[in-house]
N, C-alpha and C. Protein backbone atom coordinates (compact mmCIF):
# COMPACT_ATOMS: atom_id res chain seq x y z
N MET A 1 -1.70 1.22 -26.06
CA MET A 1 -1.12 -0.12 -26.12
C MET A 1 -1.24 -0.81 -24.76
N GLU A 2 -0.87 -0.07 -23.71
CA GLU A 2 -0.94 -0.65 -22.37
C GLU A 2 -2.39 -0.90 -21.96
N LYS A 3 -3.28 -0.01 -22.38
CA LYS A 3 -4.71 -0.16 -22.09
C LYS A 3 -5.25 -1.42 -22.76
N GLU A 4 -4.84 -1.67 -24.00
CA GLU A 4 -5.28 -2.88 -24.70
C GLU A 4 -4.77 -4.13 -24.00
N GLN A 5 -3.54 -4.07 -23.51
CA GLN A 5 -2.96 -5.21 -22.78
C GLN A 5 -3.76 -5.50 -21.51
N GLU A 6 -4.14 -4.43 -20.78
CA GLU A 6 -4.93 -4.61 -19.56
C GLU A 6 -6.29 -5.22 -19.88
N ASN A 7 -6.92 -4.75 -20.97
CA ASN A 7 -8.22 -5.29 -21.38
C ASN A 7 -8.11 -6.76 -21.76
N SER A 8 -7.05 -7.12 -22.49
CA SER A 8 -6.89 -8.52 -22.88
C SER A 8 -6.59 -9.39 -21.66
N ASP A 9 -5.83 -8.86 -20.69
CA ASP A 9 -5.57 -9.60 -19.45
C ASP A 9 -6.86 -9.83 -18.68
N ALA A 10 -7.67 -8.78 -18.58
CA ALA A 10 -8.94 -8.91 -17.86
C ALA A 10 -9.84 -9.91 -18.56
N GLN A 11 -9.89 -9.86 -19.86
CA GLN A 11 -10.71 -10.80 -20.63
C GLN A 11 -10.21 -12.23 -20.44
N PHE A 12 -8.89 -12.41 -20.45
CA PHE A 12 -8.30 -13.74 -20.25
C PHE A 12 -8.75 -14.33 -18.92
N TRP A 13 -8.65 -13.52 -17.84
CA TRP A 13 -9.00 -14.03 -16.51
C TRP A 13 -10.50 -14.24 -16.35
N LYS A 14 -11.31 -13.43 -17.03
CA LYS A 14 -12.76 -13.67 -16.99
C LYS A 14 -13.10 -15.03 -17.59
N VAL A 15 -12.49 -15.34 -18.72
CA VAL A 15 -12.74 -16.63 -19.37
C VAL A 15 -12.26 -17.78 -18.49
N GLU A 16 -11.08 -17.62 -17.89
CA GLU A 16 -10.54 -18.70 -17.06
C GLU A 16 -11.34 -18.90 -15.78
N ILE A 17 -11.85 -17.82 -15.20
CA ILE A 17 -12.68 -17.95 -14.00
C ILE A 17 -13.98 -18.67 -14.33
N LYS A 18 -14.56 -18.33 -15.47
CA LYS A 18 -15.78 -19.04 -15.88
C LYS A 18 -15.52 -20.52 -16.12
N LYS A 19 -14.35 -20.82 -16.65
CA LYS A 19 -14.00 -22.21 -16.95
C LYS A 19 -13.71 -23.02 -15.69
N HIS A 20 -13.08 -22.38 -14.68
CA HIS A 20 -12.64 -23.09 -13.47
C HIS A 20 -13.34 -22.54 -12.22
N TRP A 21 -14.62 -22.24 -12.30
CA TRP A 21 -15.34 -21.62 -11.20
C TRP A 21 -15.42 -22.53 -9.98
N LYS A 22 -15.45 -23.83 -10.17
CA LYS A 22 -15.54 -24.75 -9.03
C LYS A 22 -14.26 -24.68 -8.18
N VAL A 23 -13.13 -24.61 -8.85
CA VAL A 23 -11.86 -24.51 -8.13
C VAL A 23 -11.77 -23.19 -7.39
N LEU A 24 -12.25 -22.13 -8.01
CA LEU A 24 -12.25 -20.81 -7.36
C LEU A 24 -13.12 -20.82 -6.11
N ILE A 25 -14.31 -21.41 -6.20
CA ILE A 25 -15.20 -21.49 -5.05
C ILE A 25 -14.54 -22.28 -3.92
N LEU A 26 -13.92 -23.42 -4.26
CA LEU A 26 -13.22 -24.23 -3.26
C LEU A 26 -12.09 -23.44 -2.61
N PHE A 27 -11.36 -22.68 -3.42
CA PHE A 27 -10.27 -21.84 -2.93
C PHE A 27 -10.78 -20.79 -1.95
N LEU A 28 -11.88 -20.13 -2.29
CA LEU A 28 -12.44 -19.09 -1.42
C LEU A 28 -12.99 -19.68 -0.13
N VAL A 29 -13.64 -20.84 -0.21
CA VAL A 29 -14.16 -21.49 1.00
C VAL A 29 -13.00 -21.87 1.92
N ALA A 30 -11.92 -22.37 1.34
CA ALA A 30 -10.75 -22.74 2.15
C ALA A 30 -10.16 -21.51 2.84
N ILE A 31 -10.11 -20.38 2.15
CA ILE A 31 -9.58 -19.14 2.76
C ILE A 31 -10.46 -18.71 3.93
N VAL A 32 -11.77 -18.77 3.77
CA VAL A 32 -12.69 -18.38 4.85
C VAL A 32 -12.50 -19.32 6.05
N ILE A 33 -12.42 -20.61 5.80
CA ILE A 33 -12.24 -21.58 6.88
C ILE A 33 -10.92 -21.34 7.60
N LEU A 34 -9.85 -21.10 6.85
CA LEU A 34 -8.55 -20.84 7.47
C LEU A 34 -8.56 -19.54 8.28
N ALA A 35 -9.27 -18.53 7.80
CA ALA A 35 -9.37 -17.27 8.56
C ALA A 35 -10.11 -17.50 9.87
N ILE A 36 -11.17 -18.29 9.85
CA ILE A 36 -11.92 -18.60 11.07
C ILE A 36 -11.04 -19.37 12.05
N ILE A 37 -10.29 -20.33 11.53
CA ILE A 37 -9.38 -21.10 12.39
C ILE A 37 -8.31 -20.18 12.99
N ALA A 38 -7.78 -19.25 12.19
CA ALA A 38 -6.75 -18.34 12.68
C ALA A 38 -7.27 -17.46 13.82
N VAL A 39 -8.49 -16.96 13.69
CA VAL A 39 -9.07 -16.14 14.75
C VAL A 39 -9.29 -16.99 16.00
N ASN A 40 -9.76 -18.21 15.82
CA ASN A 40 -9.98 -19.10 16.98
C ASN A 40 -8.67 -19.47 17.67
N VAL A 41 -7.60 -19.64 16.91
CA VAL A 41 -6.29 -19.93 17.51
C VAL A 41 -5.83 -18.72 18.33
N LEU A 42 -6.06 -17.51 17.82
CA LEU A 42 -5.71 -16.30 18.57
C LEU A 42 -6.48 -16.24 19.88
N ILE A 43 -7.79 -16.46 19.82
CA ILE A 43 -8.61 -16.43 21.05
C ILE A 43 -8.16 -17.52 22.02
N TRP A 44 -7.91 -18.71 21.50
CA TRP A 44 -7.44 -19.82 22.34
C TRP A 44 -6.11 -19.47 23.00
N HIS A 45 -5.20 -18.87 22.23
CA HIS A 45 -3.89 -18.52 22.78
C HIS A 45 -4.02 -17.47 23.87
N ILE A 46 -4.88 -16.49 23.66
CA ILE A 46 -5.08 -15.47 24.70
C ILE A 46 -5.61 -16.10 25.98
N GLN A 47 -6.56 -17.03 25.85
CA GLN A 47 -7.22 -17.60 27.03
C GLN A 47 -6.39 -18.67 27.75
N THR A 48 -5.42 -19.28 27.07
CA THR A 48 -4.66 -20.37 27.68
C THR A 48 -3.20 -20.05 27.95
N SER A 49 -2.74 -18.88 27.54
CA SER A 49 -1.33 -18.55 27.71
C SER A 49 -1.08 -17.92 29.08
N PRO A 50 -0.08 -18.45 29.80
CA PRO A 50 0.26 -17.79 31.07
C PRO A 50 0.86 -16.39 30.83
N ILE A 51 1.36 -16.15 29.63
CA ILE A 51 1.82 -14.80 29.29
C ILE A 51 0.56 -13.96 29.12
N GLY A 52 0.39 -12.97 29.94
CA GLY A 52 -0.82 -12.17 29.91
C GLY A 52 -1.85 -12.66 30.91
N ASN A 53 -1.42 -13.57 31.79
CA ASN A 53 -2.27 -14.04 32.89
C ASN A 53 -3.59 -14.62 32.37
N TYR A 54 -3.50 -15.45 31.33
CA TYR A 54 -4.66 -16.14 30.76
C TYR A 54 -5.74 -15.18 30.29
N GLY A 55 -5.30 -14.06 29.75
CA GLY A 55 -6.23 -13.06 29.22
C GLY A 55 -6.75 -12.08 30.24
N LYS A 56 -6.27 -12.15 31.47
CA LYS A 56 -6.79 -11.28 32.53
C LYS A 56 -5.85 -10.13 32.90
N ALA A 57 -4.67 -10.08 32.31
CA ALA A 57 -3.71 -9.02 32.64
C ALA A 57 -4.17 -7.70 32.02
N THR A 58 -3.91 -6.64 32.74
CA THR A 58 -4.22 -5.31 32.20
C THR A 58 -2.98 -4.78 31.47
N PHE A 59 -3.18 -3.74 30.69
CA PHE A 59 -2.07 -3.22 29.88
C PHE A 59 -0.89 -2.76 30.72
N ASP A 60 -1.16 -2.24 31.90
CA ASP A 60 -0.05 -1.74 32.71
C ASP A 60 0.79 -2.88 33.28
N GLN A 61 0.31 -4.12 33.22
CA GLN A 61 1.08 -5.26 33.68
C GLN A 61 1.97 -5.84 32.58
N TRP A 62 1.69 -5.50 31.34
CA TRP A 62 2.47 -6.04 30.22
C TRP A 62 3.85 -5.38 30.17
N SER A 63 4.82 -6.15 29.70
CA SER A 63 6.16 -5.62 29.46
C SER A 63 6.53 -5.98 28.02
N LEU A 64 7.61 -5.41 27.56
CA LEU A 64 8.08 -5.72 26.21
C LEU A 64 8.47 -7.19 26.11
N ASP A 65 9.00 -7.73 27.19
CA ASP A 65 9.33 -9.16 27.24
C ASP A 65 8.08 -10.00 26.99
N TRP A 66 6.98 -9.66 27.66
CA TRP A 66 5.72 -10.39 27.46
C TRP A 66 5.25 -10.30 26.02
N ILE A 67 5.33 -9.12 25.44
CA ILE A 67 4.86 -8.93 24.06
C ILE A 67 5.66 -9.79 23.10
N VAL A 68 7.00 -9.77 23.24
CA VAL A 68 7.85 -10.55 22.33
C VAL A 68 7.54 -12.04 22.47
N ARG A 69 7.49 -12.55 23.69
CA ARG A 69 7.22 -13.97 23.88
C ARG A 69 5.81 -14.34 23.42
N PHE A 70 4.83 -13.48 23.69
CA PHE A 70 3.45 -13.74 23.27
C PHE A 70 3.36 -13.82 21.75
N ILE A 71 4.00 -12.88 21.06
CA ILE A 71 3.94 -12.86 19.59
C ILE A 71 4.65 -14.07 19.00
N ILE A 72 5.81 -14.43 19.54
CA ILE A 72 6.54 -15.60 19.02
C ILE A 72 5.71 -16.87 19.19
N LEU A 73 5.12 -17.06 20.37
CA LEU A 73 4.29 -18.24 20.59
C LEU A 73 3.06 -18.23 19.69
N LEU A 74 2.45 -17.06 19.51
CA LEU A 74 1.28 -16.96 18.64
C LEU A 74 1.64 -17.32 17.20
N ILE A 75 2.76 -16.83 16.73
CA ILE A 75 3.21 -17.16 15.37
C ILE A 75 3.41 -18.67 15.22
N LEU A 76 4.04 -19.29 16.21
CA LEU A 76 4.26 -20.73 16.13
C LEU A 76 2.95 -21.51 16.14
N TRP A 77 1.99 -21.13 17.00
CA TRP A 77 0.70 -21.82 17.01
C TRP A 77 -0.05 -21.60 15.70
N GLU A 78 -0.01 -20.39 15.16
CA GLU A 78 -0.69 -20.12 13.88
C GLU A 78 -0.06 -20.93 12.75
N LEU A 79 1.26 -21.03 12.76
CA LEU A 79 1.92 -21.86 11.74
C LEU A 79 1.50 -23.31 11.85
N LEU A 80 1.40 -23.81 13.07
CA LEU A 80 1.03 -25.21 13.28
C LEU A 80 -0.41 -25.48 12.86
N PHE A 81 -1.34 -24.64 13.30
CA PHE A 81 -2.75 -24.92 13.07
C PHE A 81 -3.32 -24.31 11.80
N VAL A 82 -2.66 -23.31 11.23
CA VAL A 82 -3.17 -22.67 10.02
C VAL A 82 -2.19 -22.80 8.86
N GLY A 83 -0.92 -22.48 9.12
CA GLY A 83 0.07 -22.47 8.04
C GLY A 83 0.31 -23.83 7.41
N LEU A 84 0.54 -24.84 8.24
CA LEU A 84 0.79 -26.18 7.70
C LEU A 84 -0.42 -26.75 6.96
N PRO A 85 -1.63 -26.69 7.54
CA PRO A 85 -2.78 -27.18 6.77
C PRO A 85 -2.99 -26.40 5.47
N ALA A 86 -2.79 -25.09 5.51
CA ALA A 86 -2.95 -24.28 4.30
C ALA A 86 -1.93 -24.68 3.24
N ALA A 87 -0.68 -24.87 3.66
CA ALA A 87 0.36 -25.25 2.71
C ALA A 87 0.05 -26.62 2.10
N LEU A 88 -0.39 -27.55 2.92
CA LEU A 88 -0.75 -28.88 2.40
C LEU A 88 -1.93 -28.80 1.45
N PHE A 89 -2.99 -28.11 1.86
CA PHE A 89 -4.20 -28.03 1.04
C PHE A 89 -3.93 -27.34 -0.29
N PHE A 90 -3.33 -26.13 -0.23
CA PHE A 90 -3.12 -25.38 -1.46
C PHE A 90 -2.00 -25.98 -2.31
N GLY A 91 -0.98 -26.50 -1.65
CA GLY A 91 0.10 -27.13 -2.42
C GLY A 91 -0.37 -28.38 -3.13
N LEU A 92 -0.99 -29.29 -2.39
CA LEU A 92 -1.47 -30.54 -2.99
C LEU A 92 -2.62 -30.26 -3.96
N GLY A 93 -3.55 -29.38 -3.55
CA GLY A 93 -4.67 -29.06 -4.43
C GLY A 93 -4.22 -28.38 -5.71
N GLY A 94 -3.30 -27.45 -5.60
CA GLY A 94 -2.77 -26.78 -6.80
C GLY A 94 -2.03 -27.75 -7.71
N TYR A 95 -1.27 -28.65 -7.11
CA TYR A 95 -0.54 -29.65 -7.90
C TYR A 95 -1.52 -30.56 -8.64
N LEU A 96 -2.53 -31.07 -7.93
CA LEU A 96 -3.51 -31.97 -8.57
C LEU A 96 -4.30 -31.23 -9.65
N TRP A 97 -4.67 -29.96 -9.40
CA TRP A 97 -5.39 -29.19 -10.41
C TRP A 97 -4.52 -28.97 -11.64
N TRP A 98 -3.26 -28.64 -11.42
CA TRP A 98 -2.34 -28.39 -12.54
C TRP A 98 -2.11 -29.65 -13.36
N GLN A 99 -2.03 -30.79 -12.69
CA GLN A 99 -1.80 -32.05 -13.39
C GLN A 99 -2.97 -32.44 -14.28
N GLN A 100 -4.19 -32.09 -13.93
CA GLN A 100 -5.35 -32.47 -14.74
C GLN A 100 -5.59 -31.53 -15.91
N LEU A 101 -4.88 -30.39 -15.95
CA LEU A 101 -5.05 -29.46 -17.06
C LEU A 101 -4.45 -30.02 -18.35
N PRO A 102 -5.08 -29.76 -19.49
CA PRO A 102 -4.49 -30.17 -20.76
C PRO A 102 -3.21 -29.37 -21.04
N ALA A 103 -2.35 -29.93 -21.85
CA ALA A 103 -1.04 -29.31 -22.13
C ALA A 103 -1.20 -27.93 -22.77
N ASP A 104 -2.16 -27.76 -23.68
CA ASP A 104 -2.32 -26.45 -24.33
C ASP A 104 -2.77 -25.38 -23.33
N GLU A 105 -3.57 -25.77 -22.35
CA GLU A 105 -4.00 -24.79 -21.34
C GLU A 105 -2.83 -24.42 -20.41
N LYS A 106 -1.99 -25.40 -20.08
CA LYS A 106 -0.80 -25.10 -19.28
C LYS A 106 0.09 -24.11 -20.01
N LYS A 107 0.26 -24.34 -21.31
CA LYS A 107 1.10 -23.45 -22.12
C LYS A 107 0.49 -22.04 -22.16
N MET A 108 -0.84 -21.98 -22.24
CA MET A 108 -1.52 -20.69 -22.26
C MET A 108 -1.28 -19.93 -20.96
N TYR A 109 -1.34 -20.62 -19.81
CA TYR A 109 -1.07 -19.97 -18.53
C TYR A 109 0.37 -19.47 -18.45
N LYS A 110 1.31 -20.29 -18.90
CA LYS A 110 2.71 -19.89 -18.86
C LYS A 110 2.96 -18.68 -19.76
N ASP A 111 2.34 -18.66 -20.94
CA ASP A 111 2.49 -17.51 -21.84
C ASP A 111 1.88 -16.25 -21.24
N GLN A 112 0.72 -16.40 -20.60
CA GLN A 112 0.07 -15.26 -19.96
C GLN A 112 0.95 -14.71 -18.84
N GLU A 113 1.57 -15.59 -18.07
CA GLU A 113 2.45 -15.15 -16.98
C GLU A 113 3.65 -14.39 -17.52
N LYS A 114 4.21 -14.84 -18.63
CA LYS A 114 5.35 -14.14 -19.23
C LYS A 114 4.94 -12.76 -19.72
N ARG A 115 3.73 -12.65 -20.28
CA ARG A 115 3.26 -11.36 -20.81
C ARG A 115 2.97 -10.36 -19.71
N THR A 116 2.41 -10.83 -18.62
CA THR A 116 1.94 -9.90 -17.59
C THR A 116 2.85 -9.82 -16.38
N HIS A 117 3.96 -10.51 -16.40
CA HIS A 117 4.85 -10.49 -15.24
C HIS A 117 5.43 -9.10 -15.05
N LYS A 118 5.16 -8.54 -13.89
CA LYS A 118 5.65 -7.19 -13.57
C LYS A 118 6.53 -7.28 -12.35
N LYS A 119 7.48 -6.39 -12.27
CA LYS A 119 8.35 -6.33 -11.10
C LYS A 119 7.53 -5.79 -9.93
N ARG A 120 7.59 -6.50 -8.82
CA ARG A 120 6.84 -6.09 -7.64
C ARG A 120 7.81 -5.59 -6.58
N ASN A 121 7.40 -4.53 -5.94
CA ASN A 121 8.20 -4.03 -4.82
C ASN A 121 7.82 -4.79 -3.57
N GLY A 122 8.81 -5.16 -2.80
CA GLY A 122 8.55 -5.91 -1.58
C GLY A 122 8.02 -5.01 -0.48
N GLY A 123 7.56 -5.63 0.59
CA GLY A 123 7.05 -4.89 1.73
C GLY A 123 8.14 -4.19 2.50
N GLY A 124 9.35 -4.65 2.36
CA GLY A 124 10.48 -3.99 3.01
C GLY A 124 10.93 -4.68 4.27
N GLY A 125 10.10 -4.71 5.26
CA GLY A 125 10.51 -5.27 6.54
C GLY A 125 11.01 -4.21 7.50
N CYS A 126 10.77 -2.94 7.16
CA CYS A 126 11.23 -1.86 8.04
C CYS A 126 10.54 -1.90 9.39
N GLY A 127 9.27 -2.28 9.40
CA GLY A 127 8.53 -2.36 10.66
C GLY A 127 9.14 -3.38 11.61
N LEU A 128 9.50 -4.54 11.06
CA LEU A 128 10.11 -5.58 11.88
C LEU A 128 11.49 -5.12 12.37
N LEU A 129 12.28 -4.52 11.50
CA LEU A 129 13.59 -4.02 11.89
C LEU A 129 13.45 -2.96 12.99
N LEU A 130 12.48 -2.09 12.84
CA LEU A 130 12.27 -1.04 13.84
C LEU A 130 11.84 -1.65 15.17
N PHE A 131 10.97 -2.65 15.16
CA PHE A 131 10.52 -3.29 16.40
C PHE A 131 11.69 -4.00 17.09
N ILE A 132 12.53 -4.69 16.32
CA ILE A 132 13.69 -5.37 16.92
C ILE A 132 14.65 -4.35 17.51
N ALA A 133 14.89 -3.26 16.78
CA ALA A 133 15.78 -2.22 17.28
C ALA A 133 15.19 -1.58 18.55
N TYR A 134 13.88 -1.39 18.59
CA TYR A 134 13.21 -0.83 19.76
C TYR A 134 13.38 -1.77 20.95
N CYS A 135 13.21 -3.06 20.73
CA CYS A 135 13.41 -4.04 21.81
C CYS A 135 14.84 -3.99 22.33
N ILE A 136 15.81 -3.88 21.43
CA ILE A 136 17.21 -3.81 21.84
C ILE A 136 17.46 -2.54 22.64
N TYR A 137 16.92 -1.41 22.17
CA TYR A 137 17.11 -0.14 22.88
C TYR A 137 16.52 -0.21 24.29
N ILE A 138 15.30 -0.73 24.42
CA ILE A 138 14.65 -0.84 25.73
C ILE A 138 15.43 -1.79 26.63
N ALA A 139 15.96 -2.88 26.06
CA ALA A 139 16.74 -3.83 26.85
C ALA A 139 18.03 -3.18 27.35
N ILE A 140 18.71 -2.41 26.49
CA ILE A 140 19.94 -1.72 26.90
C ILE A 140 19.62 -0.69 27.98
N ASP A 141 18.46 -0.06 27.88
CA ASP A 141 18.03 0.93 28.86
C ASP A 141 17.60 0.29 30.18
N GLY A 142 17.43 -1.03 30.19
CA GLY A 142 17.11 -1.74 31.42
C GLY A 142 15.63 -1.88 31.72
N ASN A 143 14.78 -1.64 30.74
CA ASN A 143 13.33 -1.71 30.99
C ASN A 143 12.63 -2.78 30.17
N PHE A 144 13.35 -3.78 29.72
CA PHE A 144 12.74 -4.82 28.89
C PHE A 144 11.70 -5.60 29.68
N TYR A 145 11.96 -5.86 30.95
CA TYR A 145 11.04 -6.63 31.79
C TYR A 145 10.10 -5.73 32.60
N ALA A 146 10.22 -4.43 32.43
CA ALA A 146 9.39 -3.50 33.20
C ALA A 146 7.98 -3.45 32.63
N ALA A 147 7.00 -3.37 33.51
CA ALA A 147 5.61 -3.23 33.07
C ALA A 147 5.44 -1.86 32.42
N PHE A 148 4.54 -1.76 31.46
CA PHE A 148 4.34 -0.49 30.76
C PHE A 148 3.88 0.61 31.71
N GLY A 149 3.18 0.23 32.76
CA GLY A 149 2.71 1.22 33.73
C GLY A 149 3.79 1.75 34.65
N SER A 150 5.01 1.17 34.59
CA SER A 150 6.08 1.61 35.48
C SER A 150 6.75 2.90 35.00
N GLN A 151 6.52 3.26 33.75
CA GLN A 151 7.11 4.47 33.18
C GLN A 151 5.98 5.32 32.60
N PRO A 152 6.18 6.64 32.55
CA PRO A 152 5.16 7.46 31.88
C PRO A 152 5.15 7.15 30.38
N TYR A 153 4.00 7.38 29.77
CA TYR A 153 3.89 7.05 28.35
C TYR A 153 4.90 7.80 27.50
N SER A 154 5.32 8.98 27.95
CA SER A 154 6.30 9.76 27.17
C SER A 154 7.63 9.01 27.06
N TYR A 155 7.98 8.22 28.08
CA TYR A 155 9.23 7.44 28.02
C TYR A 155 9.18 6.48 26.84
N TRP A 156 8.06 5.77 26.68
CA TRP A 156 7.95 4.78 25.60
C TRP A 156 7.95 5.47 24.24
N VAL A 157 7.30 6.64 24.14
CA VAL A 157 7.27 7.37 22.87
C VAL A 157 8.65 7.93 22.55
N TYR A 158 9.32 8.54 23.53
CA TYR A 158 10.65 9.10 23.29
C TYR A 158 11.66 8.01 22.96
N SER A 159 11.51 6.85 23.59
CA SER A 159 12.40 5.73 23.28
C SER A 159 12.22 5.29 21.83
N TYR A 160 10.98 5.29 21.37
CA TYR A 160 10.69 4.93 19.98
C TYR A 160 11.34 5.94 19.03
N LEU A 161 11.21 7.22 19.35
CA LEU A 161 11.82 8.25 18.50
C LEU A 161 13.34 8.16 18.52
N LEU A 162 13.92 7.87 19.69
CA LEU A 162 15.38 7.70 19.77
C LEU A 162 15.84 6.49 18.96
N THR A 163 15.04 5.43 18.98
CA THR A 163 15.37 4.24 18.18
C THR A 163 15.41 4.60 16.71
N ILE A 164 14.42 5.35 16.25
CA ILE A 164 14.42 5.78 14.84
C ILE A 164 15.65 6.63 14.56
N GLY A 165 16.01 7.53 15.47
CA GLY A 165 17.20 8.36 15.29
C GLY A 165 18.47 7.53 15.19
N TRP A 166 18.62 6.54 16.07
CA TRP A 166 19.81 5.68 16.00
C TRP A 166 19.85 4.88 14.71
N LEU A 167 18.70 4.39 14.25
CA LEU A 167 18.68 3.66 12.98
C LEU A 167 19.07 4.57 11.82
N MET A 168 18.63 5.83 11.88
CA MET A 168 19.02 6.77 10.83
C MET A 168 20.52 7.02 10.84
N ILE A 169 21.09 7.08 12.03
CA ILE A 169 22.54 7.29 12.12
C ILE A 169 23.28 6.04 11.63
N ILE A 170 22.87 4.88 12.12
CA ILE A 170 23.58 3.64 11.79
C ILE A 170 23.48 3.30 10.30
N PHE A 171 22.28 3.46 9.74
CA PHE A 171 22.09 3.09 8.33
C PHE A 171 22.14 4.30 7.40
N GLY A 172 21.71 5.45 7.87
CA GLY A 172 21.60 6.63 7.01
C GLY A 172 22.93 7.21 6.60
N ILE A 173 23.88 7.30 7.53
CA ILE A 173 25.18 7.88 7.19
C ILE A 173 25.91 7.04 6.15
N PRO A 174 26.04 5.71 6.33
CA PRO A 174 26.69 4.92 5.27
C PRO A 174 25.95 4.99 3.93
N MET A 175 24.62 5.02 3.98
CA MET A 175 23.87 5.12 2.72
C MET A 175 24.10 6.48 2.05
N ALA A 176 24.17 7.53 2.84
CA ALA A 176 24.43 8.86 2.27
C ALA A 176 25.82 8.93 1.65
N ILE A 177 26.81 8.35 2.33
CA ILE A 177 28.17 8.34 1.79
C ILE A 177 28.22 7.54 0.50
N ALA A 178 27.57 6.36 0.50
CA ALA A 178 27.55 5.53 -0.72
C ALA A 178 26.83 6.26 -1.85
N GLY A 179 25.73 6.95 -1.52
CA GLY A 179 25.01 7.70 -2.54
C GLY A 179 25.83 8.83 -3.12
N LEU A 180 26.58 9.55 -2.27
CA LEU A 180 27.44 10.63 -2.75
C LEU A 180 28.57 10.09 -3.62
N LEU A 181 29.17 8.98 -3.20
CA LEU A 181 30.23 8.39 -4.01
C LEU A 181 29.70 7.93 -5.36
N TYR A 182 28.52 7.33 -5.38
CA TYR A 182 27.93 6.89 -6.65
C TYR A 182 27.60 8.08 -7.52
N LEU A 183 27.05 9.14 -6.93
CA LEU A 183 26.72 10.35 -7.68
C LEU A 183 27.99 10.96 -8.28
N ARG A 184 29.04 10.99 -7.50
CA ARG A 184 30.32 11.52 -8.00
C ARG A 184 30.83 10.67 -9.17
N TYR A 185 30.75 9.35 -9.04
CA TYR A 185 31.17 8.44 -10.11
C TYR A 185 30.30 8.63 -11.34
N TRP A 186 28.98 8.77 -11.15
CA TRP A 186 28.05 8.91 -12.25
C TRP A 186 28.27 10.22 -12.99
N LEU A 187 28.59 11.29 -12.24
CA LEU A 187 28.81 12.58 -12.88
C LEU A 187 30.12 12.61 -13.69
N LYS A 188 31.11 11.83 -13.25
CA LYS A 188 32.39 11.80 -13.98
C LYS A 188 32.32 10.93 -15.22
N LYS A 189 31.33 10.03 -15.28
CA LYS A 189 31.20 9.14 -16.43
C LYS A 189 30.87 9.95 -17.67
N PRO A 190 31.54 9.63 -18.80
CA PRO A 190 31.29 10.41 -20.03
C PRO A 190 29.90 10.13 -20.61
């Protein structure tokens, strides 16, 4: 049954791609152009940012402070030069494309979405949480502004492992207690 559903979904999208191939080509060209712009913004930011000495700083001169500021500025520049144009292009283009579709085709897309809608697991955000916690740990330790070359590499690795340990204590213990309480409640349920 599930195999038949997958085959019908694949067949549906094959027909729709053949019907709207011009829009698909335009979509793909826009993605390639935006990717090229994003890479150029990264190169431009490296060459013009005083953080990192205009691209001439060596790794031992970098600090965690530099990394955080560099990444925040890069995100803002990428949003300005890539994110906003992409949102305008795809938002306006998608709206105009949707408006020109006949009503029966719109209904067909909505029905297909209802049939194939699956629950998706999110990315989590654990990496971002870990990086923020690592920055806080290094700042508390007094080395947020220190160049990476000022400490042996083992310091940075051990600090990372200690950050993971503290996160396990801060979040793991309450989660374990909640899990045990839920398990106890679930086992008592008739």
